């Protein structure tokens, strides 16, 4: 029984780690006014009649705090990449100099900053919902073990351990959100 409980705890931690990684990935897509190559991670380019991620057809780098450069591996892709960036609704307007695209990141308004914080908060709530769902799954597995002969005391201890793990991961999500919120609101 103890091995089964340990396996449930490990599965819960593993699932929650994946949820945190996904959450951090989603937060990185929310731009805070500073140039970052991850801002373009969702951009897809039409390449040989297939949608391809921008990172697979070009090198994205930071020129300075407010400027990104996109250096395509094939010069013929410059216009397609520019179109893909404009179509991605990031509010960015790439400038084509014949060799590469230069993207100036406009400063954020106070209203836009608040909207981005709301978006980050929504992502944190989605992550917490995922973690609570993982907790429910773990508790269901513990109830199944009770039917197989797990004692009442061990079940209560297991439930409190699952809750403790869940609380730890919820705190991690809150901490990541607070860092992102501070980053967004810093002018």
N, C-alpha and C. Protein backbone atom coordinates (compact mmCIF):
# COMPACT_ATOMS: atom_id res chain seq x y z
N UNK A 1 0.81 -1.22 0.00
CA UNK A 1 0.00 0.00 0.00
C UNK A 1 0.85 1.27 0.00
N UNK A 2 1.94 1.24 0.77
CA UNK A 2 2.78 2.42 0.87
C UNK A 2 3.43 2.73 -0.48
N UNK A 3 3.82 1.67 -1.21
CA UNK A 3 4.39 1.89 -2.55
C UNK A 3 3.36 2.55 -3.46
N UNK A 4 2.10 2.11 -3.33
CA UNK A 4 1.03 2.68 -4.15
C UNK A 4 0.85 4.17 -3.81
N UNK A 5 0.88 4.48 -2.52
CA UNK A 5 0.73 5.89 -2.12
C UNK A 5 1.90 6.73 -2.63
N UNK A 6 3.11 6.20 -2.50
CA UNK A 6 4.28 6.94 -2.99
C UNK A 6 4.18 7.18 -4.50
N UNK A 7 3.67 6.18 -5.21
CA UNK A 7 3.50 6.33 -6.65
C UNK A 7 2.47 7.43 -6.96
N UNK A 8 1.40 7.48 -6.18
CA UNK A 8 0.39 8.52 -6.36
C UNK A 8 1.01 9.90 -6.13
N UNK A 9 1.83 10.01 -5.07
CA UNK A 9 2.48 11.30 -4.77
C UNK A 9 3.41 11.71 -5.90
N UNK A 10 4.20 10.76 -6.40
CA UNK A 10 5.15 11.07 -7.47
C UNK A 10 4.43 11.47 -8.75
N UNK A 11 3.35 10.75 -9.07
CA UNK A 11 2.56 11.10 -10.26
C UNK A 11 1.98 12.51 -10.12
N UNK A 12 1.49 12.83 -8.92
CA UNK A 12 0.91 14.15 -8.67
C UNK A 12 1.98 15.23 -8.84
N UNK A 13 3.15 15.00 -8.28
CA UNK A 13 4.23 15.99 -8.40
C UNK A 13 4.64 16.15 -9.86
N UNK A 14 4.75 15.04 -10.57
CA UNK A 14 5.15 15.08 -11.98
C UNK A 14 4.12 15.85 -12.81
N UNK A 15 2.85 15.55 -12.62
CA UNK A 15 1.79 16.25 -13.36
C UNK A 15 1.81 17.75 -13.05
N UNK A 16 2.01 18.07 -11.77
CA UNK A 16 2.02 19.48 -11.37
C UNK A 16 3.24 20.21 -11.94
N UNK A 17 4.38 19.52 -12.00
CA UNK A 17 5.58 20.14 -12.60
C UNK A 17 5.32 20.48 -14.07
N UNK A 18 4.67 19.55 -14.77
CA UNK A 18 4.35 19.81 -16.18
C UNK A 18 3.40 21.00 -16.31
N UNK A 19 2.44 21.09 -15.40
CA UNK A 19 1.49 22.21 -15.42
C UNK A 19 2.22 23.53 -15.16
N UNK A 20 3.17 23.53 -14.23
CA UNK A 20 3.94 24.74 -13.94
C UNK A 20 4.78 25.14 -15.16
N UNK A 21 5.41 24.17 -15.82
CA UNK A 21 6.20 24.47 -17.02
C UNK A 21 5.33 25.07 -18.11
N UNK A 22 4.14 24.51 -18.29
CA UNK A 22 3.21 25.05 -19.29
C UNK A 22 2.81 26.48 -18.91
N UNK A 23 2.53 26.68 -17.63
CA UNK A 23 2.16 28.01 -17.14
C UNK A 23 3.28 29.02 -17.40
N UNK A 24 4.52 28.64 -17.10
CA UNK A 24 5.65 29.53 -17.34
C UNK A 24 5.80 29.83 -18.83
N UNK A 25 5.54 28.82 -19.66
CA UNK A 25 5.60 29.02 -21.10
C UNK A 25 4.54 30.03 -21.55
N UNK A 26 3.34 29.90 -21.01
CA UNK A 26 2.26 30.84 -21.36
C UNK A 26 2.59 32.26 -20.87
N UNK A 27 3.18 32.36 -19.67
CA UNK A 27 3.55 33.69 -19.16
C UNK A 27 4.61 34.34 -20.03
N UNK A 28 5.52 33.53 -20.57
CA UNK A 28 6.60 34.11 -21.38
C UNK A 28 6.06 34.71 -22.67
N UNK A 29 4.88 34.28 -23.09
CA UNK A 29 4.29 34.83 -24.31
C UNK A 29 3.63 36.19 -24.08
N UNK A 30 3.41 36.53 -22.81
CA UNK A 30 2.81 37.82 -22.48
C UNK A 30 3.94 38.84 -22.40
N UNK A 31 3.96 39.76 -23.35
CA UNK A 31 5.10 40.67 -23.40
C UNK A 31 4.96 41.78 -22.37
N UNK A 32 6.07 42.13 -21.79
CA UNK A 32 6.07 43.15 -20.74
C UNK A 32 6.71 44.45 -21.20
N UNK A 33 6.78 44.68 -22.51
CA UNK A 33 7.35 45.91 -23.02
C UNK A 33 8.82 45.80 -23.36
N UNK A 34 9.46 44.73 -22.92
CA UNK A 34 10.87 44.51 -23.24
C UNK A 34 10.94 43.50 -24.37
N UNK A 35 11.88 43.69 -25.26
CA UNK A 35 12.04 42.78 -26.40
C UNK A 35 12.53 41.42 -25.90
N UNK A 36 11.91 40.36 -26.42
CA UNK A 36 12.31 39.00 -26.07
C UNK A 36 11.98 38.09 -27.26
N UNK A 37 12.91 37.21 -27.65
CA UNK A 37 12.63 36.31 -28.77
C UNK A 37 11.38 35.44 -28.53
N UNK A 38 11.07 35.16 -27.27
CA UNK A 38 9.90 34.32 -26.98
C UNK A 38 8.59 35.01 -27.37
N UNK A 39 8.62 36.34 -27.57
CA UNK A 39 7.42 37.06 -28.01
C UNK A 39 6.92 36.53 -29.35
N UNK A 40 7.84 36.02 -30.16
CA UNK A 40 7.49 35.55 -31.50
C UNK A 40 7.34 34.04 -31.56
N UNK A 41 7.31 33.38 -30.40
CA UNK A 41 7.28 31.91 -30.39
C UNK A 41 6.00 31.33 -30.99
N UNK A 42 4.92 32.09 -30.99
CA UNK A 42 3.67 31.58 -31.56
C UNK A 42 3.47 31.92 -33.03
N UNK A 43 4.43 32.61 -33.65
CA UNK A 43 4.29 33.06 -35.03
C UNK A 43 4.54 31.88 -35.98
N UNK A 44 3.61 31.68 -36.91
CA UNK A 44 3.72 30.61 -37.90
C UNK A 44 3.91 31.25 -39.27
N UNK A 45 4.78 30.64 -40.08
CA UNK A 45 5.13 31.15 -41.41
C UNK A 45 4.72 30.12 -42.46
N UNK A 46 4.20 30.61 -43.57
CA UNK A 46 3.90 29.73 -44.71
C UNK A 46 5.22 29.40 -45.39
N UNK A 47 5.64 28.14 -45.29
CA UNK A 47 6.94 27.71 -45.81
C UNK A 47 6.74 26.41 -46.58
N UNK A 48 6.94 26.47 -47.88
CA UNK A 48 6.69 25.32 -48.77
C UNK A 48 5.29 24.74 -48.53
N UNK A 49 4.30 25.62 -48.52
CA UNK A 49 2.89 25.29 -48.40
C UNK A 49 2.54 24.58 -47.09
N UNK A 50 3.35 24.81 -46.04
CA UNK A 50 3.04 24.25 -44.72
C UNK A 50 3.31 25.33 -43.68
N UNK A 51 2.47 25.38 -42.65
CA UNK A 51 2.69 26.34 -41.58
C UNK A 51 3.86 25.84 -40.72
N UNK A 52 4.85 26.70 -40.55
CA UNK A 52 6.07 26.34 -39.85
C UNK A 52 6.36 27.39 -38.79
N UNK A 53 6.79 26.99 -37.58
CA UNK A 53 7.15 27.98 -36.56
C UNK A 53 8.30 28.87 -37.04
N UNK A 54 8.23 30.13 -36.68
CA UNK A 54 9.23 31.11 -37.10
C UNK A 54 10.65 30.67 -36.75
N UNK A 55 10.83 30.07 -35.56
CA UNK A 55 12.17 29.67 -35.12
C UNK A 55 12.80 28.62 -36.02
N UNK A 56 11.99 27.95 -36.85
CA UNK A 56 12.54 26.92 -37.74
C UNK A 56 12.97 27.47 -39.09
N UNK A 57 12.68 28.75 -39.35
CA UNK A 57 13.07 29.33 -40.64
C UNK A 57 13.91 30.60 -40.49
N UNK A 58 14.12 31.04 -39.24
CA UNK A 58 14.86 32.29 -39.04
C UNK A 58 15.47 32.32 -37.64
N UNK A 59 16.44 33.19 -37.49
CA UNK A 59 17.07 33.43 -36.21
C UNK A 59 16.48 34.71 -35.62
N UNK A 60 15.90 34.63 -34.42
CA UNK A 60 15.31 35.80 -33.76
C UNK A 60 16.25 36.22 -32.64
N UNK A 61 16.66 37.49 -32.65
CA UNK A 61 17.56 37.95 -31.60
C UNK A 61 17.15 39.34 -31.12
N UNK A 62 17.70 39.72 -29.97
CA UNK A 62 17.40 41.02 -29.37
C UNK A 62 18.52 41.98 -29.73
N UNK A 63 18.16 43.10 -30.34
CA UNK A 63 19.15 44.12 -30.69
C UNK A 63 19.38 45.02 -29.48
N UNK A 64 18.29 45.48 -28.86
CA UNK A 64 18.36 46.24 -27.61
C UNK A 64 17.04 46.01 -26.87
N UNK A 65 16.81 46.73 -25.78
CA UNK A 65 15.65 46.48 -24.93
C UNK A 65 14.31 46.64 -25.64
N UNK A 66 14.30 47.39 -26.75
CA UNK A 66 13.04 47.65 -27.45
C UNK A 66 13.06 47.20 -28.91
N UNK A 67 14.05 46.41 -29.31
CA UNK A 67 14.17 46.03 -30.72
C UNK A 67 14.53 44.56 -30.89
N UNK A 68 13.78 43.88 -31.76
CA UNK A 68 14.09 42.51 -32.15
C UNK A 68 14.56 42.50 -33.59
N UNK A 69 15.41 41.56 -33.93
CA UNK A 69 15.77 41.36 -35.33
C UNK A 69 15.44 39.92 -35.71
N UNK A 70 14.98 39.74 -36.93
CA UNK A 70 14.67 38.42 -37.45
C UNK A 70 15.50 38.23 -38.71
N UNK A 71 16.43 37.29 -38.66
CA UNK A 71 17.33 37.01 -39.78
C UNK A 71 16.90 35.67 -40.40
N UNK A 72 16.20 35.71 -41.54
CA UNK A 72 15.76 34.45 -42.15
C UNK A 72 16.94 33.69 -42.75
N UNK A 73 16.82 32.38 -42.81
CA UNK A 73 17.86 31.55 -43.40
C UNK A 73 17.81 31.60 -44.93
N UNK A 74 16.66 32.02 -45.45
CA UNK A 74 16.52 32.23 -46.89
C UNK A 74 15.96 33.64 -47.08
N UNK A 75 16.66 34.48 -47.84
CA UNK A 75 16.22 35.87 -48.04
C UNK A 75 14.82 35.96 -48.64
N UNK A 76 14.43 34.95 -49.43
CA UNK A 76 13.12 34.97 -50.08
C UNK A 76 11.97 34.91 -49.06
N UNK A 77 12.28 34.57 -47.82
CA UNK A 77 11.24 34.45 -46.81
C UNK A 77 10.92 35.76 -46.09
N UNK A 78 11.68 36.82 -46.35
CA UNK A 78 11.48 38.07 -45.61
C UNK A 78 10.03 38.54 -45.61
N UNK A 79 9.41 38.59 -46.79
CA UNK A 79 8.03 39.07 -46.86
C UNK A 79 7.05 38.12 -46.19
N UNK A 80 7.27 36.81 -46.33
CA UNK A 80 6.39 35.83 -45.68
C UNK A 80 6.48 35.94 -44.16
N UNK A 81 7.70 36.14 -43.66
CA UNK A 81 7.88 36.28 -42.21
C UNK A 81 7.21 37.56 -41.72
N UNK A 82 7.39 38.65 -42.45
CA UNK A 82 6.74 39.92 -42.07
C UNK A 82 5.23 39.75 -42.03
N UNK A 83 4.69 39.07 -43.04
CA UNK A 83 3.24 38.82 -43.09
C UNK A 83 2.80 37.97 -41.90
N UNK A 84 3.58 36.94 -41.56
CA UNK A 84 3.25 36.08 -40.43
C UNK A 84 3.25 36.83 -39.10
N UNK A 85 4.20 37.74 -38.93
CA UNK A 85 4.27 38.53 -37.70
C UNK A 85 3.09 39.48 -37.61
N UNK A 86 2.75 40.11 -38.72
CA UNK A 86 1.60 41.03 -38.72
C UNK A 86 0.31 40.26 -38.47
N UNK A 87 0.16 39.09 -39.11
CA UNK A 87 -1.06 38.28 -38.96
C UNK A 87 -1.21 37.67 -37.56
N UNK A 88 -0.14 37.63 -36.78
CA UNK A 88 -0.21 37.00 -35.46
C UNK A 88 -0.86 37.89 -34.41
N UNK A 89 -1.26 39.10 -34.78
CA UNK A 89 -1.96 40.02 -33.88
C UNK A 89 -1.18 40.34 -32.61
N UNK A 90 0.13 40.51 -32.74
CA UNK A 90 0.95 40.91 -31.60
C UNK A 90 1.09 42.42 -31.49
N UNK A 91 0.56 43.12 -32.49
CA UNK A 91 0.68 44.57 -32.49
C UNK A 91 2.07 45.04 -32.88
N UNK A 92 2.78 44.20 -33.63
CA UNK A 92 4.13 44.54 -34.05
C UNK A 92 4.16 44.82 -35.55
N UNK A 93 5.02 45.77 -35.94
CA UNK A 93 5.12 46.15 -37.35
C UNK A 93 6.58 46.01 -37.79
N UNK A 94 6.93 44.87 -38.42
CA UNK A 94 8.32 44.65 -38.82
C UNK A 94 8.73 45.54 -40.00
N UNK A 95 9.98 46.00 -39.97
CA UNK A 95 10.55 46.81 -41.04
C UNK A 95 11.56 45.95 -41.79
N UNK A 96 11.42 45.87 -43.10
CA UNK A 96 12.28 45.04 -43.94
C UNK A 96 13.40 45.90 -44.52
N UNK A 97 14.67 45.54 -44.20
CA UNK A 97 15.79 46.29 -44.78
C UNK A 97 16.49 45.51 -45.89
N UNK A 98 15.87 44.46 -46.37
CA UNK A 98 16.45 43.66 -47.45
C UNK A 98 17.31 42.51 -46.97
N UNK A 99 17.82 42.61 -45.75
CA UNK A 99 18.66 41.56 -45.18
C UNK A 99 17.96 40.86 -44.02
N UNK A 100 17.23 41.65 -43.22
CA UNK A 100 16.57 41.13 -42.05
C UNK A 100 15.36 42.01 -41.72
N UNK A 101 14.55 41.53 -40.77
CA UNK A 101 13.42 42.33 -40.30
C UNK A 101 13.83 42.96 -38.97
N UNK A 102 13.49 44.22 -38.82
CA UNK A 102 13.75 44.93 -37.57
C UNK A 102 12.39 45.27 -36.98
N UNK A 103 12.17 44.84 -35.73
CA UNK A 103 10.87 45.03 -35.09
C UNK A 103 11.07 45.90 -33.86
N UNK A 104 10.47 47.09 -33.88
CA UNK A 104 10.52 47.97 -32.71
C UNK A 104 9.33 47.62 -31.82
N UNK A 105 9.61 47.43 -30.55
CA UNK A 105 8.56 47.09 -29.59
C UNK A 105 8.04 48.39 -29.00
N UNK A 106 6.77 48.71 -29.25
CA UNK A 106 6.24 49.98 -28.72
C UNK A 106 6.10 49.91 -27.20
N UNK A 107 6.30 51.04 -26.51
CA UNK A 107 6.11 51.05 -25.06
C UNK A 107 4.63 50.79 -24.74
N UNK A 108 4.40 50.15 -23.60
CA UNK A 108 3.03 49.81 -23.21
C UNK A 108 2.36 50.97 -22.50
N UNK A 109 1.07 51.15 -22.78
CA UNK A 109 0.29 52.14 -22.03
C UNK A 109 -0.15 51.51 -20.71
N UNK A 110 -0.58 52.35 -19.79
CA UNK A 110 -1.03 51.86 -18.48
C UNK A 110 -2.21 50.90 -18.64
N UNK A 111 -3.13 51.27 -19.53
CA UNK A 111 -4.31 50.42 -19.76
C UNK A 111 -3.89 49.05 -20.31
N UNK A 112 -2.95 49.06 -21.26
CA UNK A 112 -2.48 47.81 -21.85
C UNK A 112 -1.76 46.96 -20.80
N UNK A 113 -1.01 47.61 -19.91
CA UNK A 113 -0.33 46.88 -18.82
C UNK A 113 -1.35 46.17 -17.94
N UNK A 114 -2.43 46.88 -17.61
CA UNK A 114 -3.48 46.26 -16.77
C UNK A 114 -4.11 45.06 -17.49
N UNK A 115 -4.34 45.21 -18.79
CA UNK A 115 -4.90 44.10 -19.57
C UNK A 115 -3.96 42.89 -19.55
N UNK A 116 -2.66 43.15 -19.67
CA UNK A 116 -1.69 42.05 -19.65
C UNK A 116 -1.65 41.38 -18.28
N UNK A 117 -1.79 42.17 -17.21
CA UNK A 117 -1.83 41.58 -15.87
C UNK A 117 -3.06 40.70 -15.74
N UNK A 118 -4.21 41.16 -16.28
CA UNK A 118 -5.43 40.34 -16.24
C UNK A 118 -5.23 39.03 -17.00
N UNK A 119 -4.54 39.12 -18.13
CA UNK A 119 -4.28 37.91 -18.92
C UNK A 119 -3.37 36.95 -18.14
N UNK A 120 -2.35 37.50 -17.50
CA UNK A 120 -1.46 36.67 -16.68
C UNK A 120 -2.21 36.05 -15.52
N UNK A 121 -3.11 36.81 -14.91
CA UNK A 121 -3.92 36.30 -13.80
C UNK A 121 -4.80 35.15 -14.28
N UNK A 122 -5.40 35.31 -15.46
CA UNK A 122 -6.23 34.25 -16.02
C UNK A 122 -5.41 32.98 -16.26
N UNK A 123 -4.18 33.14 -16.74
CA UNK A 123 -3.29 31.98 -16.95
C UNK A 123 -2.97 31.31 -15.62
N UNK A 124 -2.76 32.11 -14.58
CA UNK A 124 -2.46 31.52 -13.27
C UNK A 124 -3.68 30.76 -12.74
N UNK A 125 -4.87 31.30 -12.97
CA UNK A 125 -6.08 30.59 -12.53
C UNK A 125 -6.24 29.28 -13.30
N UNK A 126 -5.96 29.30 -14.60
CA UNK A 126 -6.03 28.06 -15.39
C UNK A 126 -5.05 27.02 -14.86
N UNK A 127 -3.86 27.46 -14.50
CA UNK A 127 -2.85 26.53 -13.96
C UNK A 127 -3.32 25.96 -12.62
N UNK A 128 -3.91 26.81 -11.79
CA UNK A 128 -4.40 26.33 -10.48
C UNK A 128 -5.55 25.34 -10.67
N UNK A 129 -6.40 25.59 -11.65
CA UNK A 129 -7.49 24.64 -11.93
C UNK A 129 -6.91 23.29 -12.32
N UNK A 130 -5.87 23.31 -13.16
CA UNK A 130 -5.21 22.07 -13.55
C UNK A 130 -4.63 21.33 -12.35
N UNK A 131 -4.03 22.07 -11.44
CA UNK A 131 -3.44 21.46 -10.25
C UNK A 131 -4.53 20.89 -9.34
N UNK A 132 -5.65 21.60 -9.23
CA UNK A 132 -6.76 21.06 -8.42
C UNK A 132 -7.34 19.80 -9.06
N UNK A 133 -7.37 19.77 -10.39
CA UNK A 133 -7.83 18.55 -11.06
C UNK A 133 -6.88 17.38 -10.79
N UNK A 134 -5.58 17.66 -10.76
CA UNK A 134 -4.62 16.61 -10.43
C UNK A 134 -4.83 16.12 -9.00
N UNK A 135 -5.15 17.08 -8.09
CA UNK A 135 -5.42 16.69 -6.69
C UNK A 135 -6.64 15.77 -6.63
N UNK A 136 -7.68 16.12 -7.36
CA UNK A 136 -8.90 15.30 -7.36
C UNK A 136 -8.59 13.89 -7.87
N UNK A 137 -7.80 13.80 -8.93
CA UNK A 137 -7.43 12.48 -9.46
C UNK A 137 -6.67 11.67 -8.42
N UNK A 138 -5.74 12.32 -7.71
CA UNK A 138 -4.96 11.61 -6.69
C UNK A 138 -5.86 11.16 -5.55
N UNK A 139 -6.79 12.02 -5.14
CA UNK A 139 -7.71 11.64 -4.06
C UNK A 139 -8.61 10.48 -4.48
N UNK A 140 -9.02 10.45 -5.75
CA UNK A 140 -9.82 9.33 -6.25
C UNK A 140 -9.03 8.03 -6.18
N UNK A 141 -7.75 8.09 -6.52
CA UNK A 141 -6.90 6.89 -6.45
C UNK A 141 -6.75 6.42 -5.00
N UNK A 142 -6.65 7.36 -4.07
CA UNK A 142 -6.54 7.00 -2.65
C UNK A 142 -7.82 6.33 -2.18
N UNK A 143 -8.99 6.83 -2.63
CA UNK A 143 -10.26 6.20 -2.26
C UNK A 143 -10.34 4.77 -2.80
N UNK A 144 -9.79 4.56 -4.00
CA UNK A 144 -9.76 3.21 -4.55
C UNK A 144 -8.90 2.30 -3.67
N UNK A 145 -7.79 2.83 -3.16
CA UNK A 145 -6.93 2.04 -2.27
C UNK A 145 -7.65 1.72 -0.96
N UNK A 146 -8.51 2.63 -0.49
CA UNK A 146 -9.27 2.36 0.74
C UNK A 146 -10.17 1.15 0.54
N UNK A 147 -10.76 1.07 -0.65
CA UNK A 147 -11.61 -0.08 -0.96
C UNK A 147 -10.80 -1.37 -1.01
N UNK A 148 -9.49 -1.24 -1.28
CA UNK A 148 -8.61 -2.42 -1.35
C UNK A 148 -7.97 -2.73 0.00
N UNK A 149 -8.36 -2.00 1.06
CA UNK A 149 -7.87 -2.33 2.39
C UNK A 149 -6.99 -1.28 3.05
N UNK A 150 -6.89 -0.08 2.50
CA UNK A 150 -6.10 0.98 3.13
C UNK A 150 -6.79 1.42 4.40
N UNK A 151 -6.06 1.54 5.49
CA UNK A 151 -6.67 1.92 6.77
C UNK A 151 -7.14 3.38 6.73
N UNK A 152 -8.07 3.68 7.61
CA UNK A 152 -8.65 5.03 7.70
C UNK A 152 -7.57 6.07 8.02
N UNK A 153 -6.67 5.72 8.96
CA UNK A 153 -5.59 6.66 9.35
C UNK A 153 -4.65 6.92 8.18
N UNK A 154 -4.27 5.86 7.46
CA UNK A 154 -3.38 6.04 6.31
C UNK A 154 -4.05 6.86 5.23
N UNK A 155 -5.36 6.67 5.07
CA UNK A 155 -6.09 7.44 4.06
C UNK A 155 -6.08 8.93 4.43
N UNK A 156 -6.32 9.24 5.70
CA UNK A 156 -6.30 10.65 6.13
C UNK A 156 -4.91 11.26 5.95
N UNK A 157 -3.86 10.49 6.30
CA UNK A 157 -2.50 10.98 6.12
C UNK A 157 -2.21 11.22 4.64
N UNK A 158 -2.65 10.30 3.79
CA UNK A 158 -2.42 10.42 2.35
C UNK A 158 -3.15 11.64 1.79
N UNK A 159 -4.39 11.85 2.24
CA UNK A 159 -5.14 13.01 1.77
C UNK A 159 -4.47 14.31 2.19
N UNK A 160 -3.93 14.35 3.42
CA UNK A 160 -3.26 15.59 3.85
C UNK A 160 -1.95 15.79 3.09
N UNK A 161 -1.26 14.69 2.75
CA UNK A 161 -0.03 14.80 1.95
C UNK A 161 -0.35 15.35 0.55
N UNK A 162 -1.43 14.85 -0.06
CA UNK A 162 -1.85 15.34 -1.38
C UNK A 162 -2.19 16.83 -1.30
N UNK A 163 -2.89 17.23 -0.23
CA UNK A 163 -3.24 18.64 -0.07
C UNK A 163 -1.98 19.49 0.11
N UNK A 164 -1.01 18.97 0.84
CA UNK A 164 0.24 19.69 1.06
C UNK A 164 0.98 19.89 -0.27
N UNK A 165 1.04 18.85 -1.08
CA UNK A 165 1.70 18.95 -2.40
C UNK A 165 0.97 19.98 -3.25
N UNK A 166 -0.36 19.93 -3.24
CA UNK A 166 -1.17 20.87 -4.02
C UNK A 166 -0.92 22.31 -3.56
N UNK A 167 -0.85 22.52 -2.25
CA UNK A 167 -0.60 23.87 -1.72
C UNK A 167 0.77 24.38 -2.16
N UNK A 168 1.77 23.50 -2.15
CA UNK A 168 3.12 23.91 -2.57
C UNK A 168 3.11 24.40 -4.02
N UNK A 169 2.44 23.66 -4.89
CA UNK A 169 2.42 24.04 -6.30
C UNK A 169 1.57 25.29 -6.54
N UNK A 170 0.50 25.45 -5.78
CA UNK A 170 -0.31 26.67 -5.90
C UNK A 170 0.52 27.89 -5.50
N UNK A 171 1.34 27.73 -4.47
CA UNK A 171 2.22 28.82 -4.03
C UNK A 171 3.24 29.15 -5.12
N UNK A 172 3.77 28.13 -5.78
CA UNK A 172 4.73 28.36 -6.87
C UNK A 172 4.07 29.17 -7.99
N UNK A 173 2.83 28.82 -8.32
CA UNK A 173 2.10 29.55 -9.36
C UNK A 173 1.91 31.01 -8.95
N UNK A 174 1.51 31.23 -7.69
CA UNK A 174 1.35 32.60 -7.21
C UNK A 174 2.65 33.38 -7.30
N UNK A 175 3.76 32.74 -6.95
CA UNK A 175 5.06 33.42 -7.00
C UNK A 175 5.43 33.79 -8.43
N UNK A 176 5.22 32.88 -9.38
CA UNK A 176 5.51 33.19 -10.79
C UNK A 176 4.62 34.33 -11.28
N UNK A 177 3.35 34.31 -10.87
CA UNK A 177 2.44 35.38 -11.28
C UNK A 177 2.90 36.73 -10.72
N UNK A 178 3.29 36.76 -9.44
CA UNK A 178 3.72 38.02 -8.83
C UNK A 178 4.94 38.60 -9.55
N UNK A 179 5.88 37.72 -9.91
CA UNK A 179 7.08 38.18 -10.64
C UNK A 179 6.66 38.76 -12.00
N UNK A 180 5.77 38.07 -12.70
CA UNK A 180 5.32 38.55 -14.01
C UNK A 180 4.55 39.86 -13.87
N UNK A 181 3.69 39.95 -12.85
CA UNK A 181 2.93 41.18 -12.64
C UNK A 181 3.87 42.36 -12.39
N UNK A 182 4.88 42.15 -11.57
CA UNK A 182 5.85 43.22 -11.30
C UNK A 182 6.58 43.60 -12.58
N UNK A 183 6.94 42.59 -13.38
CA UNK A 183 7.64 42.83 -14.65
C UNK A 183 6.77 43.65 -15.60
N UNK A 184 5.49 43.31 -15.69
CA UNK A 184 4.57 44.02 -16.58
C UNK A 184 4.35 45.46 -16.12
N UNK A 185 4.18 45.65 -14.82
CA UNK A 185 3.83 46.98 -14.32
C UNK A 185 5.04 47.90 -14.19
N UNK A 186 6.26 47.37 -14.30
CA UNK A 186 7.45 48.21 -14.25
C UNK A 186 7.60 48.98 -15.55
N UNK A 187 7.67 50.29 -15.45
CA UNK A 187 7.76 51.12 -16.65
C UNK A 187 9.21 51.26 -17.07
